[in-house]
């Protein structure tokens, strides 16, 4: 089966950059407005958009949009560093969004939020370096 690059991958990468930029700025300058829960969601959206951009670049889509599903979908094309993989799975533990009856979320602590924001930056760098190596950055 031949995979065909999905054109809107650039838009997803830009959206990921924008979500991450907002999260990082808000984490340092607007904490009275941006709670840990909001920052978590911004970082998670940045990660999702970046991974989706890379998947779309490879002509693929995620099976679902939990961190675990994004990882599994991405690993069809590339391998992640084990430490980054573990940080992404860590992020997944804060929300269970797939089952409406058992929906739960736990706001991260400040230390956990630092790990989450760091993981989002790592994903951004991973995606950018892959796209740059492919001549599409």
Protein backbone atom coordinates (compact mmCIF):
# COMPACT_ATOMS: atom_id res chain seq x y z
CA UNK A 1 0.00 0.00 0.00
CA UNK A 2 1.38 3.38 -0.96
CA UNK A 3 0.89 6.16 1.57
CA UNK A 4 0.13 9.64 0.27
CA UNK A 5 1.19 12.70 2.21
CA UNK A 6 -1.80 14.65 3.53
CA UNK A 7 -1.38 18.29 2.53
CA UNK A 8 -2.63 19.93 5.72
CA UNK A 9 0.27 18.57 7.81
CA UNK A 10 1.91 22.03 7.77
CA UNK A 11 -1.21 23.58 9.27
CA UNK A 12 -1.19 21.00 12.06
CA UNK A 13 2.49 21.68 12.77
CA UNK A 14 1.83 25.42 12.96
CA UNK A 15 -1.15 24.86 15.26
CA UNK A 16 1.06 22.72 17.50
CA UNK A 17 3.68 25.48 17.59
CA UNK A 18 1.01 28.04 18.48
CA UNK A 19 -0.50 25.93 21.28
CA UNK A 20 2.94 25.31 22.76
CA UNK A 21 3.95 28.96 22.49
CA UNK A 22 0.78 29.96 24.31
CA UNK A 23 1.31 27.34 27.03
CA UNK A 24 4.94 28.32 27.65
CA UNK A 25 4.19 32.04 27.77
CA UNK A 26 1.17 31.52 30.00
CA UNK A 27 3.14 29.28 32.37
CA UNK A 28 5.58 32.08 33.12
CA UNK A 29 3.60 35.29 32.63
CA UNK A 30 -0.12 34.66 33.13
CA UNK A 31 -0.48 32.12 35.91
CA UNK A 32 -3.30 34.07 37.53
CA UNK A 33 -5.40 33.29 34.44
CA UNK A 34 -3.98 30.00 33.18
CA UNK A 35 -4.48 27.25 35.74
CA UNK A 36 -2.47 24.03 35.74
CA UNK A 37 -5.43 22.29 34.13
CA UNK A 38 -5.60 24.82 31.28
CA UNK A 39 -1.84 24.59 30.75
CA UNK A 40 -2.09 20.79 30.70
CA UNK A 41 -4.74 20.99 27.98
CA UNK A 42 -2.72 23.48 25.91
CA UNK A 43 0.36 21.25 26.14
CA UNK A 44 -1.67 18.16 25.26
CA UNK A 45 -3.14 19.95 22.23
CA UNK A 46 0.35 21.00 21.14
CA UNK A 47 1.56 17.40 21.39
CA UNK A 48 -1.47 16.06 19.53
CA UNK A 49 -1.14 18.61 16.71
CA UNK A 50 2.60 17.98 16.32
CA UNK A 51 2.21 14.21 16.23
CA UNK A 52 -0.71 14.49 13.83
CA UNK A 53 1.42 16.70 11.55
CA UNK A 54 4.12 14.05 11.43
CA UNK A 55 1.59 11.28 10.84
CA UNK A 56 -0.06 13.28 8.06
CA UNK A 57 3.35 13.95 6.54
CA UNK A 58 3.69 10.17 6.33
CA UNK A 59 0.19 9.83 4.85
CA UNK A 60 -1.30 8.40 8.03
CA UNK A 61 -3.76 9.36 10.75
CA UNK A 62 -3.94 8.36 14.40
CA UNK A 63 -6.19 5.50 15.39
CA UNK A 64 -7.46 7.66 18.28
CA UNK A 65 -6.25 10.72 20.13
CA UNK A 66 -5.11 9.53 23.54
CA UNK A 67 -1.37 9.83 24.06
CA UNK A 68 -1.10 6.04 23.95
CA UNK A 69 -2.90 5.92 20.60
CA UNK A 70 -0.83 8.78 19.20
CA UNK A 71 2.37 6.96 20.24
CA UNK A 72 1.25 3.67 18.71
CA UNK A 73 0.26 5.39 15.47
CA UNK A 74 3.55 7.31 15.31
CA UNK A 75 5.59 4.18 15.99
CA UNK A 76 4.31 2.70 12.73
CA UNK A 77 6.74 5.13 11.08
CA UNK A 78 9.38 6.15 13.62
CA UNK A 79 10.67 5.11 16.99
CA UNK A 80 10.56 7.42 19.99
CA UNK A 81 13.21 7.65 22.64
CA UNK A 82 12.01 5.44 25.52
CA UNK A 83 12.13 8.39 27.95
CA UNK A 84 9.91 10.56 25.75
CA UNK A 85 7.54 7.64 25.23
CA UNK A 86 7.25 7.27 29.03
CA UNK A 87 6.62 10.99 29.52
CA UNK A 88 3.81 10.89 26.96
CA UNK A 89 2.25 7.90 28.70
CA UNK A 90 2.58 9.84 31.98
CA UNK A 91 0.55 12.69 30.42
CA UNK A 92 -2.18 10.23 29.47
CA UNK A 93 -2.74 9.42 33.15
CA UNK A 94 -4.29 12.82 33.92
CA UNK A 95 -7.41 12.38 31.81
CA UNK A 96 -9.67 9.58 30.73
CA UNK A 97 -11.71 11.14 27.96
CA UNK A 98 -12.84 8.21 25.84
CA UNK A 99 -15.65 6.90 28.03
CA UNK A 100 -18.37 9.45 28.81
CA UNK A 101 -19.54 7.44 31.80
CA UNK A 102 -16.15 7.20 33.44
CA UNK A 103 -14.67 10.56 32.37
CA UNK A 104 -12.14 11.74 34.90
CA UNK A 105 -9.38 14.30 35.07
CA UNK A 106 -6.78 15.19 37.65
CA UNK A 107 -5.05 18.59 37.51
CA UNK A 108 -1.26 18.24 37.51
CA UNK A 109 0.94 19.60 40.27
CA UNK A 110 3.52 22.26 39.43
CA UNK A 111 6.27 19.62 39.19
CA UNK A 112 4.10 17.44 36.96
CA UNK A 113 3.22 20.44 34.81
CA UNK A 114 6.94 21.10 34.26
CA UNK A 115 7.34 17.53 32.97
CA UNK A 116 4.31 17.91 30.71
CA UNK A 117 5.51 21.21 29.21
CA UNK A 118 8.99 19.73 28.75
CA UNK A 119 7.53 16.73 26.93
CA UNK A 120 5.58 19.07 24.65
CA UNK A 121 8.82 20.88 23.79
CA UNK A 122 10.53 17.53 23.13
CA UNK A 123 7.75 16.45 20.78
CA UNK A 124 7.99 19.76 18.93
CA UNK A 125 11.76 19.30 18.49
CA UNK A 126 11.33 15.65 17.45
CA UNK A 127 8.79 16.57 14.79
CA UNK A 128 10.79 19.56 13.55
CA UNK A 129 14.02 17.55 13.29
CA UNK A 130 12.29 14.76 11.39
CA UNK A 131 10.65 17.16 8.96
CA UNK A 132 13.92 19.07 8.51
CA UNK A 133 15.80 15.83 7.75
CA UNK A 134 13.10 15.06 5.19
CA UNK A 135 13.62 18.46 3.55
CA UNK A 136 10.19 19.75 4.52
CA UNK A 137 10.75 21.84 7.64
